[in-house]
Amino acid sequence: MKKQTIIASLIGLVIFYACGPKSEEASLPMKVALAYGFDQFDRLNSIAYTWNVQVDSARVVTRDWKWNIKGRTVYYADADTSYTYSLDLPADEMPPADKGFINDKYWLMYPFQLVWDEGYTYTVEEDVPAPISGNISTKMIVVYNDEDGYTPGDAYDLYLDENFMIREWVFRRGNGPDGRPFTWENEKEFQGVKFATEHKNADGIRFIWFTNIRVD
């Protein structure tokens, strides 16, 4: 784990943290994770869910997942195929579904990824209007390094409320200047763990949502 550093900007009072939020329960990433029940997560054995995306006005694509947390396996099914694979496979032997698993899990469990992930930095800005609602929020900008993962160098702008819940986010590929905002809403709780089950775009159209959530 990398050593944490803190730099306070005299102008913007923006706080920068190097990787390593896992060890700091007072850090903002940990506060976000705890707001969604991270302290209850180790009680779970598996999480199953269906990821749905509105591709266009007439087409919805779905993927079914079951993550066996303790057994470190993933079951995947779509309209054409289904199989189970091990998360302990070498990176070059991972099946094509693993990229989808990571993507879909981020939409459902990103608050926990803030603790699980390494290799990112973040900055914090206070009293920033969220891009869709305009509500005054705490903005946390998360930037991944340019070496790891399927899409290295990507960035996420999280807009948090006073309870450290994500209300909106913007994904920016390669830490580019532009990205599309989406809401985080319709939270549901399962054995003490909360998931935002709907994400709408700036036009209020439901873009990604989760169904058939089962937690054991």
C-alpha atoms as a PDB file:
ATOM      1  CA  MET A   1       0.000   0.000   0.000  1.00  0.00           C
ATOM      2  CA  LYS A   2       1.351   3.371  -0.917  1.00  0.00           C
ATOM      3  CA  LYS A   3       2.068   6.004   1.672  1.00  0.00           C
ATOM      4  CA  GLN A   4      -0.710   8.581   2.015  1.00  0.00           C
ATOM      5  CA  THR A   5       0.112  12.201   1.422  1.00  0.00           C
ATOM      6  CA  ILE A   6      -2.073  15.226   1.967  1.00  0.00           C
ATOM      7  CA  ILE A   7      -1.667  18.511   0.156  1.00  0.00           C
ATOM      8  CA  ALA A   8      -3.920  21.400   1.175  1.00  0.00           C
ATOM      9  CA  SER A   9      -4.440  24.028  -1.489  1.00  0.00           C
ATOM     10  CA  LEU A  10      -4.443  27.522   0.035  1.00  0.00           C
ATOM     11  CA  ILE A  11      -6.714  28.751  -2.731  1.00  0.00           C
ATOM     12  CA  GLY A  12      -9.302  26.055  -3.235  1.00  0.00           C
ATOM     13  CA  LEU A  13      -8.832  24.126  -0.002  1.00  0.00           C
ATOM     14  CA  VAL A  14      -8.767  21.018  -2.158  1.00  0.00           C
ATOM     15  CA  ILE A  15      -7.339  17.969  -0.463  1.00  0.00           C
ATOM     16  CA  PHE A  16      -5.335  15.435  -2.427  1.00  0.00           C
ATOM     17  CA  TYR A  17      -4.755  11.906  -1.245  1.00  0.00           C
ATOM     18  CA  ALA A  18      -2.387   9.353  -2.739  1.00  0.00           C
ATOM     19  CA  CYS A  19      -3.599   5.774  -2.884  1.00  0.00           C
ATOM     20  CA  GLY A  20      -4.208   3.995   0.342  1.00  0.00           C
ATOM     21  CA  PRO A  21      -7.657   5.065   1.658  1.00  0.00           C
ATOM     22  CA  LYS A  22      -8.197   1.555   3.041  1.00  0.00           C
ATOM     23  CA  SER A  23      -6.266   2.335   6.189  1.00  0.00           C
ATOM     24  CA  GLU A  24      -8.020   5.641   6.918  1.00  0.00           C
ATOM     25  CA  GLU A  25     -11.569   5.287   8.185  1.00  0.00           C
ATOM     26  CA  ALA A  26     -11.788   9.086   8.334  1.00  0.00           C
ATOM     27  CA  SER A  27     -11.005   9.434   4.626  1.00  0.00           C
ATOM     28  CA  LEU A  28     -13.787  10.419   2.263  1.00  0.00           C
ATOM     29  CA  PRO A  29     -13.635   7.189   0.211  1.00  0.00           C
ATOM     30  CA  MET A  30     -14.107   5.154   3.381  1.00  0.00           C
ATOM     31  CA  LYS A  31     -16.973   7.374   4.534  1.00  0.00           C
ATOM     32  CA  VAL A  32     -18.724   6.782   1.217  1.00  0.00           C
ATOM     33  CA  ALA A  33     -18.183   3.025   1.468  1.00  0.00           C
ATOM     34  CA  LEU A  34     -19.480   2.963   5.045  1.00  0.00           C
ATOM     35  CA  ALA A  35     -22.573   4.951   4.040  1.00  0.00           C
ATOM     36  CA  TYR A  36     -23.474   2.012   1.790  1.00  0.00           C
ATOM     37  CA  GLY A  37     -22.805  -0.616   4.466  1.00  0.00           C
ATOM     38  CA  PHE A  38     -19.213  -1.594   3.779  1.00  0.00           C
ATOM     39  CA  ASP A  39     -18.806  -2.715   7.386  1.00  0.00           C
ATOM     40  CA  GLN A  40     -21.491  -5.360   6.734  1.00  0.00           C
ATOM     41  CA  PHE A  41     -20.076  -6.628   3.455  1.00  0.00           C
ATOM     42  CA  ASP A  42     -17.908  -9.378   4.931  1.00  0.00           C
ATOM     43  CA  ARG A  43     -21.086 -11.119   6.112  1.00  0.00           C
ATOM     44  CA  LEU A  44     -22.119 -11.788   2.508  1.00  0.00           C
ATOM     45  CA  ASN A  45     -21.367 -15.005   0.645  1.00  0.00           C
ATOM     46  CA  SER A  46     -22.733 -14.116  -2.778  1.00  0.00           C
ATOM     47  CA  ILE A  47     -24.491 -11.406  -4.753  1.00  0.00           C
ATOM     48  CA  ALA A  48     -26.639 -12.145  -7.804  1.00  0.00           C
ATOM     49  CA  TYR A  49     -28.212  -9.512 -10.036  1.00  0.00           C
ATOM     50  CA  THR A  50     -29.357  -8.631 -13.540  1.00  0.00           C
ATOM     51  CA  TRP A  51     -27.739  -5.606 -15.181  1.00  0.00           C
ATOM     52  CA  ASN A  52     -29.989  -3.812 -17.680  1.00  0.00           C
ATOM     53  CA  VAL A  53     -29.039  -1.064 -20.122  1.00  0.00           C
ATOM     54  CA  GLN A  54     -31.321   0.901 -22.441  1.00  0.00           C
ATOM     55  CA  VAL A  55     -29.324   0.753 -25.666  1.00  0.00           C
ATOM     56  CA  ASP A  56     -31.884   2.731 -27.671  1.00  0.00           C
ATOM     57  CA  SER A  57     -35.596   3.462 -27.544  1.00  0.00           C
ATOM     58  CA  ALA A  58     -36.493  -0.087 -28.561  1.00  0.00           C
ATOM     59  CA  ARG A  59     -33.696  -2.288 -27.202  1.00  0.00           C
ATOM     60  CA  VAL A  60     -32.634  -3.341 -23.720  1.00  0.00           C
ATOM     61  CA  VAL A  61     -29.546  -5.504 -23.166  1.00  0.00           C
ATOM     62  CA  THR A  62     -29.304  -7.600 -20.008  1.00  0.00           C
ATOM     63  CA  ARG A  63     -26.578  -9.611 -18.309  1.00  0.00           C
ATOM     64  CA  ASP A  64     -27.060 -11.956 -15.366  1.00  0.00           C
ATOM     65  CA  TRP A  65     -24.358 -12.309 -12.731  1.00  0.00           C
ATOM     66  CA  LYS A  66     -23.738 -14.261  -9.565  1.00  0.00           C
ATOM     67  CA  TRP A  67     -20.580 -13.377  -7.698  1.00  0.00           C
ATOM     68  CA  ASN A  68     -19.544 -16.069  -5.248  1.00  0.00           C
ATOM     69  CA  ILE A  69     -17.502 -13.826  -2.981  1.00  0.00           C
ATOM     70  CA  LYS A  70     -16.009 -16.447  -0.710  1.00  0.00           C
ATOM     71  CA  GLY A  71     -15.491 -19.003  -3.495  1.00  0.00           C
ATOM     72  CA  ARG A  72     -14.057 -16.371  -5.873  1.00  0.00           C
ATOM     73  CA  THR A  73     -16.099 -17.436  -8.887  1.00  0.00           C
ATOM     74  CA  VAL A  74     -18.454 -15.560 -11.190  1.00  0.00           C
ATOM     75  CA  TYR A  75     -21.468 -16.946 -13.047  1.00  0.00           C
ATOM     76  CA  TYR A  76     -22.359 -15.066 -16.224  1.00  0.00           C
ATOM     77  CA  ALA A  77     -25.301 -15.370 -18.611  1.00  0.00           C
ATOM     78  CA  ASP A  78     -26.618 -13.310 -21.486  1.00  0.00           C
ATOM     79  CA  ALA A  79     -28.987 -14.012 -24.375  1.00  0.00           C
ATOM     80  CA  ASP A  80     -26.448 -16.263 -26.089  1.00  0.00           C
ATOM     81  CA  THR A  81     -24.308 -18.029 -23.506  1.00  0.00           C
ATOM     82  CA  SER A  82     -23.626 -18.784 -19.871  1.00  0.00           C
ATOM     83  CA  TYR A  83     -20.629 -20.047 -17.905  1.00  0.00           C
ATOM     84  CA  THR A  84     -18.803 -19.819 -14.597  1.00  0.00           C
ATOM     85  CA  TYR A  85     -15.182 -18.756 -14.258  1.00  0.00           C
ATOM     86  CA  SER A  86     -12.654 -18.263 -11.481  1.00  0.00           C
ATOM     87  CA  LEU A  87     -11.422 -14.858 -10.422  1.00  0.00           C
ATOM     88  CA  ASP A  88      -8.064 -16.459  -9.672  1.00  0.00           C
ATOM     89  CA  LEU A  89      -7.276 -17.039 -13.351  1.00  0.00           C
ATOM     90  CA  PRO A  90      -4.237 -15.204 -14.711  1.00  0.00           C
ATOM     91  CA  ALA A  91      -5.138 -11.934 -16.391  1.00  0.00           C
ATOM     92  CA  ASP A  92      -4.391 -13.288 -19.874  1.00  0.00           C
ATOM     93  CA  GLU A  93      -6.753 -16.236 -19.309  1.00  0.00           C
ATOM     94  CA  MET A  94      -9.775 -14.278 -18.145  1.00  0.00           C
ATOM     95  CA  PRO A  95     -12.854 -14.847 -20.327  1.00  0.00           C
ATOM     96  CA  PRO A  96     -14.469 -11.988 -22.259  1.00  0.00           C
ATOM     97  CA  ALA A  97     -17.223 -11.744 -19.638  1.00  0.00           C
ATOM     98  CA  ASP A  98     -14.831 -10.467 -17.002  1.00  0.00           C
ATOM     99  CA  LYS A  99     -14.672  -7.031 -18.590  1.00  0.00           C
ATOM    100  CA  GLY A 100     -18.465  -6.852 -18.356  1.00  0.00           C
ATOM    101  CA  PHE A 101     -18.367  -8.077 -14.769  1.00  0.00           C
ATOM    102  CA  ILE A 102     -16.047  -5.261 -13.754  1.00  0.00           C
ATOM    103  CA  ASN A 103     -18.118  -2.668 -15.622  1.00  0.00           C
ATOM    104  CA  ASP A 104     -21.463  -3.797 -14.215  1.00  0.00           C
ATOM    105  CA  LYS A 105     -20.107  -4.202 -10.689  1.00  0.00           C
ATOM    106  CA  TYR A 106     -18.885  -0.599 -10.753  1.00  0.00           C
ATOM    107  CA  TRP A 107     -22.420   0.614 -11.504  1.00  0.00           C
ATOM    108  CA  LEU A 108     -23.790  -1.385  -8.573  1.00  0.00           C
ATOM    109  CA  MET A 109     -20.954  -1.399  -6.035  1.00  0.00           C
ATOM    110  CA  TYR A 110     -18.693   1.538  -6.758  1.00  0.00           C
ATOM    111  CA  PRO A 111     -18.803   2.804  -3.158  1.00  0.00           C
ATOM    112  CA  PHE A 112     -17.033  -0.412  -2.146  1.00  0.00           C
ATOM    113  CA  GLN A 113     -14.581  -0.201  -5.039  1.00  0.00           C
ATOM    114  CA  LEU A 114     -13.297   2.956  -3.383  1.00  0.00           C
ATOM    115  CA  VAL A 115     -11.892   0.688  -0.686  1.00  0.00           C
ATOM    116  CA  TRP A 116     -11.077  -2.379  -2.775  1.00  0.00           C
ATOM    117  CA  ASP A 117      -9.295  -0.528  -5.573  1.00  0.00           C
ATOM    118  CA  GLU A 118      -5.716   0.590  -5.444  1.00  0.00           C
ATOM    119  CA  GLY A 119      -3.795   2.728  -7.893  1.00  0.00           C
ATOM    120  CA  TYR A 120      -5.947   5.826  -7.836  1.00  0.00           C
ATOM    121  CA  THR A 121      -5.777   9.358  -6.485  1.00  0.00           C
ATOM    122  CA  TYR A 122      -8.614  11.656  -5.574  1.00  0.00           C
ATOM    123  CA  THR A 123      -9.314  15.316  -5.008  1.00  0.00           C
ATOM    124  CA  VAL A 124     -12.170  16.917  -3.112  1.00  0.00           C
ATOM    125  CA  GLU A 125     -14.047  20.126  -3.864  1.00  0.00           C
ATOM    126  CA  GLU A 126     -16.742  21.499  -1.588  1.00  0.00           C
ATOM    127  CA  ASP A 127     -20.001  23.266  -2.472  1.00  0.00           C
ATOM    128  CA  VAL A 128     -20.120  22.240  -6.123  1.00  0.00           C
ATOM    129  CA  PRO A 129     -23.454  22.067  -8.021  1.00  0.00           C
ATOM    130  CA  ALA A 130     -24.237  18.579  -9.316  1.00  0.00           C
ATOM    131  CA  PRO A 131     -24.466  18.550 -13.138  1.00  0.00           C
ATOM    132  CA  ILE A 132     -28.052  17.242 -13.405  1.00  0.00           C
ATOM    133  CA  SER A 133     -29.918  18.429 -10.313  1.00  0.00           C
ATOM    134  CA  GLY A 134     -27.830  21.494  -9.547  1.00  0.00           C
ATOM    135  CA  ASN A 135     -27.867  20.508  -5.873  1.00  0.00           C
ATOM    136  CA  ILE A 136     -24.856  21.730  -3.914  1.00  0.00           C
ATOM    137  CA  SER A 137     -22.617  18.724  -3.324  1.00  0.00           C
ATOM    138  CA  THR A 138     -19.201  17.562  -2.272  1.00  0.00           C
ATOM    139  CA  LYS A 139     -17.375  16.610  -5.452  1.00  0.00           C
ATOM    140  CA  MET A 140     -14.825  13.815  -5.267  1.00  0.00           C
ATOM    141  CA  ILE A 141     -12.730  13.362  -8.398  1.00  0.00           C
ATOM    142  CA  VAL A 142     -11.239   9.868  -8.641  1.00  0.00           C
ATOM    143  CA  VAL A 143      -8.484   9.284 -11.200  1.00  0.00           C
ATOM    144  CA  TYR A 144      -7.047   5.833 -11.848  1.00  0.00           C
ATOM    145  CA  ASN A 145      -3.448   5.342 -12.876  1.00  0.00           C
ATOM    146  CA  ASP A 146      -2.542   4.603 -16.475  1.00  0.00           C
ATOM    147  CA  GLU A 147      -1.299   1.068 -15.929  1.00  0.00           C
ATOM    148  CA  ASP A 148      -3.952  -1.172 -14.355  1.00  0.00           C
ATOM    149  CA  GLY A 149      -7.375  -2.465 -15.302  1.00  0.00           C
ATOM    150  CA  TYR A 150      -9.344  -2.697 -18.530  1.00  0.00           C
ATOM    151  CA  THR A 151      -9.596   1.058 -19.027  1.00  0.00           C
ATOM    152  CA  PRO A 152      -6.513   2.580 -17.398  1.00  0.00           C
ATOM    153  CA  GLY A 153      -6.380   6.273 -16.700  1.00  0.00           C
ATOM    154  CA  ASP A 154     -10.149   6.731 -16.394  1.00  0.00           C
ATOM    155  CA  ALA A 155     -11.739   9.223 -14.027  1.00  0.00           C
ATOM    156  CA  TYR A 156     -14.984   9.410 -12.055  1.00  0.00           C
ATOM    157  CA  ASP A 157     -16.528  12.588 -10.678  1.00  0.00           C
ATOM    158  CA  LEU A 158     -18.729  11.724  -7.693  1.00  0.00           C
ATOM    159  CA  TYR A 159     -21.274  14.208  -6.334  1.00  0.00           C
ATOM    160  CA  LEU A 160     -22.015  13.396  -2.702  1.00  0.00           C
ATOM    161  CA  ASP A 161     -24.732  14.567  -0.336  1.00  0.00           C
ATOM    162  CA  GLU A 162     -24.305  15.378   3.342  1.00  0.00           C
ATOM    163  CA  ASN A 163     -24.649  11.677   4.227  1.00  0.00           C
ATOM    164  CA  PHE A 164     -21.792  10.677   1.867  1.00  0.00           C
ATOM    165  CA  MET A 165     -24.210   9.043  -0.567  1.00  0.00           C
ATOM    166  CA  ILE A 166     -23.495   9.304  -4.294  1.00  0.00           C
ATOM    167  CA  ARG A 167     -26.269  11.294  -5.968  1.00  0.00           C
ATOM    168  CA  GLU A 168     -24.696  11.744  -9.387  1.00  0.00           C
ATOM    169  CA  TRP A 169     -21.520  10.753 -11.152  1.00  0.00           C
ATOM    170  CA  VAL A 170     -19.675  11.457 -14.371  1.00  0.00           C
ATOM    171  CA  PHE A 171     -17.408   8.886 -15.995  1.00  0.00           C
ATOM    172  CA  ARG A 172     -14.578  10.432 -18.029  1.00  0.00           C
ATOM    173  CA  ARG A 173     -12.645   8.017 -20.211  1.00  0.00           C
ATOM    174  CA  GLY A 174      -8.897   8.478 -20.008  1.00  0.00           C
ATOM    175  CA  ASN A 175      -9.415  11.425 -17.641  1.00  0.00           C
ATOM    176  CA  GLY A 176     -10.603  13.478 -20.578  1.00  0.00           C
ATOM    177  CA  PRO A 177     -12.483  16.744 -20.048  1.00  0.00           C
ATOM    178  CA  ASP A 178     -15.922  15.469 -21.053  1.00  0.00           C
ATOM    179  CA  GLY A 179     -18.271  12.797 -19.795  1.00  0.00           C
ATOM    180  CA  ARG A 180     -21.963  12.065 -19.362  1.00  0.00           C
ATOM    181  CA  PRO A 181     -23.622  12.560 -15.966  1.00  0.00           C
ATOM    182  CA  PHE A 182     -25.935   9.954 -14.463  1.00  0.00           C
ATOM    183  CA  THR A 183     -27.934   9.808 -11.270  1.00  0.00           C
ATOM    184  CA  TRP A 184     -27.535   7.316  -8.444  1.00  0.00           C
ATOM    185  CA  GLU A 185     -30.962   6.596  -6.985  1.00  0.00           C
ATOM    186  CA  ASN A 186     -33.551   4.117  -5.759  1.00  0.00           C
ATOM    187  CA  GLU A 187     -31.301   2.619  -3.083  1.00  0.00           C
ATOM    188  CA  LYS A 188     -32.307  -0.762  -1.715  1.00  0.00           C
ATOM    189  CA  GLU A 189     -30.852  -2.484   1.324  1.00  0.00           C
ATOM    190  CA  PHE A 190     -29.904  -6.161   1.529  1.00  0.00           C
ATOM    191  CA  GLN A 191     -28.580  -7.507   4.817  1.00  0.00           C
ATOM    192  CA  GLY A 192     -27.264  -4.102   5.785  1.00  0.00           C
ATOM    193  CA  VAL A 193     -25.657  -3.373   2.401  1.00  0.00           C
ATOM    194  CA  LYS A 194     -27.143  -0.673   0.162  1.00  0.00           C
ATOM    195  CA  PHE A 195     -27.163  -0.560  -3.622  1.00  0.00           C
ATOM    196  CA  ALA A 196     -28.330   2.236  -5.915  1.00  0.00           C
ATOM    197  CA  THR A 197     -30.466   0.323  -8.396  1.00  0.00           C
ATOM    198  CA  GLU A 198     -31.204   3.016 -10.997  1.00  0.00           C
ATOM    199  CA  HIS A 199     -29.105   5.448 -13.014  1.00  0.00           C
ATOM    200  CA  LYS A 200     -30.806   8.080 -15.172  1.00  0.00           C
ATOM    201  CA  ASN A 201     -29.275  10.433 -17.702  1.00  0.00           C
ATOM    202  CA  ALA A 202     -29.590  14.206 -17.823  1.00  0.00           C
ATOM    203  CA  ASP A 203     -32.919  13.874 -19.672  1.00  0.00           C
ATOM    204  CA  GLY A 204     -34.400  11.811 -16.854  1.00  0.00           C
ATOM    205  CA  ILE A 205     -34.355   8.616 -18.916  1.00  0.00           C
ATOM    206  CA  ARG A 206     -33.461   5.438 -17.057  1.00  0.00           C
ATOM    207  CA  PHE A 207     -30.228   4.261 -18.657  1.00  0.00           C
ATOM    208  CA  ILE A 208     -28.915   1.489 -16.404  1.00  0.00           C
ATOM    209  CA  TRP A 209     -30.840  -0.371 -13.730  1.00  0.00           C
ATOM    210  CA  PHE A 210     -30.611  -3.551 -11.687  1.00  0.00           C
ATOM    211  CA  THR A 211     -33.202  -6.237 -11.090  1.00  0.00           C
ATOM    212  CA  ASN A 212     -33.340  -9.696  -9.510  1.00  0.00           C
ATOM    213  CA  ILE A 213     -30.883  -8.720  -6.773  1.00  0.00           C
ATOM    214  CA  ARG A 214     -30.288 -11.585  -4.341  1.00  0.00           C
ATOM    215  CA  VAL A 215     -27.843 -11.492  -1.469  1.00  0.00           C
ATOM    216  CA  ASP A 216     -26.859 -14.557   0.559  1.00  0.00           C
END
